[in-house]
Amino acid sequence: MDKKAQEQKVAYLEFVNDQLLSEIQYIDRLLKIIGFPDGLETIKSAALEVIEEEGLND
């Protein structure tokens, strides 16, 4: 891969990273608005608890 192609790939990956970060931040805000005090962290904890209680971690 030549230098120009590498630069284009890096630029694309930076763009994708920015888009994903924005989406995660948006979802985190929405979760906080609907009652999950720590947003994504709260929902992840709840999901892990359900998985553990239901024995779904096989």
N, C-alpha and C. Protein backbone atom coordinates (compact mmCIF):
# COMPACT_ATOMS: atom_id res chain seq x y z
N MET A 1 0.85 -1.17 0.00
CA MET A 1 0.00 0.00 0.00
C MET A 1 0.90 1.24 0.00
N ASP A 2 0.66 2.14 -0.94
CA ASP A 2 1.51 3.33 -1.01
C ASP A 2 1.09 4.37 0.03
N LYS A 3 1.90 5.40 0.15
CA LYS A 3 1.70 6.41 1.19
C LYS A 3 0.34 7.11 1.04
N LYS A 4 -0.05 7.45 -0.18
CA LYS A 4 -1.33 8.13 -0.40
C LYS A 4 -2.49 7.24 0.02
N ALA A 5 -2.44 5.98 -0.32
CA ALA A 5 -3.50 5.04 0.05
C ALA A 5 -3.55 4.89 1.57
N GLN A 6 -2.40 4.84 2.21
CA GLN A 6 -2.36 4.74 3.67
C GLN A 6 -2.98 5.98 4.32
N GLU A 7 -2.67 7.15 3.78
CA GLU A 7 -3.23 8.38 4.32
C GLU A 7 -4.75 8.41 4.16
N GLN A 8 -5.22 7.94 3.01
CA GLN A 8 -6.67 7.88 2.77
C GLN A 8 -7.33 6.91 3.73
N LYS A 9 -6.69 5.78 3.96
CA LYS A 9 -7.24 4.78 4.88
C LYS A 9 -7.30 5.34 6.30
N VAL A 10 -6.23 6.02 6.73
CA VAL A 10 -6.20 6.63 8.06
C VAL A 10 -7.30 7.68 8.17
N ALA A 11 -7.46 8.51 7.16
CA ALA A 11 -8.50 9.54 7.18
C ALA A 11 -9.88 8.90 7.29
N TYR A 12 -10.11 7.83 6.54
CA TYR A 12 -11.39 7.14 6.60
C TYR A 12 -11.62 6.55 7.99
N LEU A 13 -10.60 5.91 8.55
CA LEU A 13 -10.74 5.31 9.88
C LEU A 13 -10.98 6.38 10.96
N GLU A 14 -10.34 7.54 10.82
CA GLU A 14 -10.58 8.64 11.75
C GLU A 14 -12.03 9.12 11.64
N PHE A 15 -12.54 9.20 10.42
CA PHE A 15 -13.93 9.60 10.20
C PHE A 15 -14.88 8.60 10.85
N VAL A 16 -14.66 7.32 10.61
CA VAL A 16 -15.50 6.28 11.19
C VAL A 16 -15.44 6.33 12.71
N ASN A 17 -14.26 6.50 13.27
CA ASN A 17 -14.09 6.60 14.70
C ASN A 17 -14.89 7.78 15.26
N ASP A 18 -14.82 8.93 14.61
CA ASP A 18 -15.58 10.10 15.05
C ASP A 18 -17.08 9.84 15.01
N GLN A 19 -17.54 9.18 13.96
CA GLN A 19 -18.96 8.87 13.84
C GLN A 19 -19.42 7.93 14.95
N LEU A 20 -18.63 6.90 15.22
CA LEU A 20 -18.98 5.94 16.26
C LEU A 20 -18.96 6.57 17.64
N LEU A 21 -17.97 7.41 17.89
CA LEU A 21 -17.89 8.11 19.17
C LEU A 21 -19.11 9.00 19.37
N SER A 22 -19.49 9.73 18.34
CA SER A 22 -20.68 10.58 18.42
C SER A 22 -21.93 9.76 18.72
N GLU A 23 -22.05 8.61 18.07
CA GLU A 23 -23.23 7.76 18.27
C GLU A 23 -23.26 7.21 19.70
N ILE A 24 -22.12 6.78 20.20
CA ILE A 24 -22.05 6.27 21.57
C ILE A 24 -22.41 7.36 22.57
N GLN A 25 -21.90 8.55 22.35
CA GLN A 25 -22.21 9.66 23.26
C GLN A 25 -23.70 9.99 23.21
N TYR A 26 -24.30 9.95 22.04
CA TYR A 26 -25.73 10.21 21.89
C TYR A 26 -26.56 9.16 22.63
N ILE A 27 -26.21 7.89 22.44
CA ILE A 27 -26.93 6.82 23.13
C ILE A 27 -26.76 6.95 24.64
N ASP A 28 -25.56 7.30 25.09
CA ASP A 28 -25.32 7.50 26.51
C ASP A 28 -26.23 8.59 27.07
N ARG A 29 -26.34 9.71 26.34
CA ARG A 29 -27.24 10.80 26.79
C ARG A 29 -28.68 10.34 26.83
N LEU A 30 -29.13 9.61 25.81
CA LEU A 30 -30.51 9.11 25.79
C LEU A 30 -30.78 8.19 26.98
N LEU A 31 -29.85 7.30 27.28
CA LEU A 31 -30.03 6.39 28.40
C LEU A 31 -30.13 7.15 29.72
N LYS A 32 -29.33 8.19 29.87
CA LYS A 32 -29.40 9.00 31.09
C LYS A 32 -30.75 9.71 31.20
N ILE A 33 -31.26 10.19 30.08
CA ILE A 33 -32.55 10.88 30.07
C ILE A 33 -33.68 9.94 30.49
N ILE A 34 -33.63 8.68 30.06
CA ILE A 34 -34.73 7.76 30.38
C ILE A 34 -34.55 7.03 31.71
N GLY A 35 -33.51 7.39 32.46
CA GLY A 35 -33.44 6.87 33.82
C GLY A 35 -32.27 5.97 34.18
N PHE A 36 -31.34 5.76 33.27
CA PHE A 36 -30.15 5.00 33.61
C PHE A 36 -29.10 6.00 34.08
N PRO A 37 -28.86 6.11 35.38
CA PRO A 37 -28.06 7.20 35.94
C PRO A 37 -26.66 7.36 35.33
N ASP A 38 -26.01 6.26 35.02
CA ASP A 38 -24.67 6.33 34.44
C ASP A 38 -24.66 5.92 32.96
N GLY A 39 -25.80 6.03 32.33
CA GLY A 39 -25.90 5.75 30.90
C GLY A 39 -25.47 4.35 30.52
N LEU A 40 -24.52 4.27 29.61
CA LEU A 40 -24.07 2.98 29.10
C LEU A 40 -23.51 2.07 30.19
N GLU A 41 -22.82 2.65 31.15
CA GLU A 41 -22.27 1.83 32.23
C GLU A 41 -23.39 1.13 33.00
N THR A 42 -24.48 1.85 33.25
CA THR A 42 -25.61 1.26 33.98
C THR A 42 -26.25 0.14 33.17
N ILE A 43 -26.46 0.37 31.90
CA ILE A 43 -27.12 -0.63 31.06
C ILE A 43 -26.23 -1.86 30.87
N LYS A 44 -24.91 -1.64 30.79
CA LYS A 44 -24.00 -2.79 30.68
C LYS A 44 -24.05 -3.63 31.95
N SER A 45 -24.06 -2.97 33.10
CA SER A 45 -24.13 -3.69 34.37
C SER A 45 -25.43 -4.48 34.47
N ALA A 46 -26.53 -3.85 34.06
CA ALA A 46 -27.83 -4.54 34.10
C ALA A 46 -27.83 -5.74 33.17
N ALA A 47 -27.28 -5.58 31.98
CA ALA A 47 -27.23 -6.69 31.02
C ALA A 47 -26.38 -7.84 31.55
N LEU A 48 -25.23 -7.52 32.14
CA LEU A 48 -24.37 -8.57 32.71
C LEU A 48 -25.06 -9.30 33.85
N GLU A 49 -25.82 -8.56 34.65
CA GLU A 49 -26.55 -9.19 35.75
C GLU A 49 -27.61 -10.14 35.23
N VAL A 50 -28.34 -9.74 34.20
CA VAL A 50 -29.36 -10.61 33.59
C VAL A 50 -28.70 -11.85 33.01
N ILE A 51 -27.60 -11.67 32.31
CA ILE A 51 -26.88 -12.81 31.72
C ILE A 51 -26.46 -13.79 32.81
N GLU A 52 -25.94 -13.27 33.91
CA GLU A 52 -25.50 -14.13 35.00
C GLU A 52 -26.68 -14.84 35.65
N GLU A 53 -27.75 -14.12 35.95
CA GLU A 53 -28.92 -14.71 36.59
C GLU A 53 -29.61 -15.76 35.73
N GLU A 54 -29.62 -15.52 34.43
CA GLU A 54 -30.30 -16.43 33.52
C GLU A 54 -29.38 -17.55 33.02
N GLY A 55 -28.11 -17.50 33.41
CA GLY A 55 -27.18 -18.52 32.96
C GLY A 55 -26.92 -18.49 31.46
N LEU A 56 -26.95 -17.30 30.91
CA LEU A 56 -26.80 -17.15 29.45
C LEU A 56 -25.35 -17.00 29.01
N ASN A 57 -24.42 -17.10 29.94
CA ASN A 57 -23.01 -16.89 29.59
C ASN A 57 -22.29 -18.15 29.16
N ASP A 58 -23.02 -19.11 28.69
CA ASP A 58 -22.42 -20.38 28.23
C ASP A 58 -21.68 -20.21 26.95
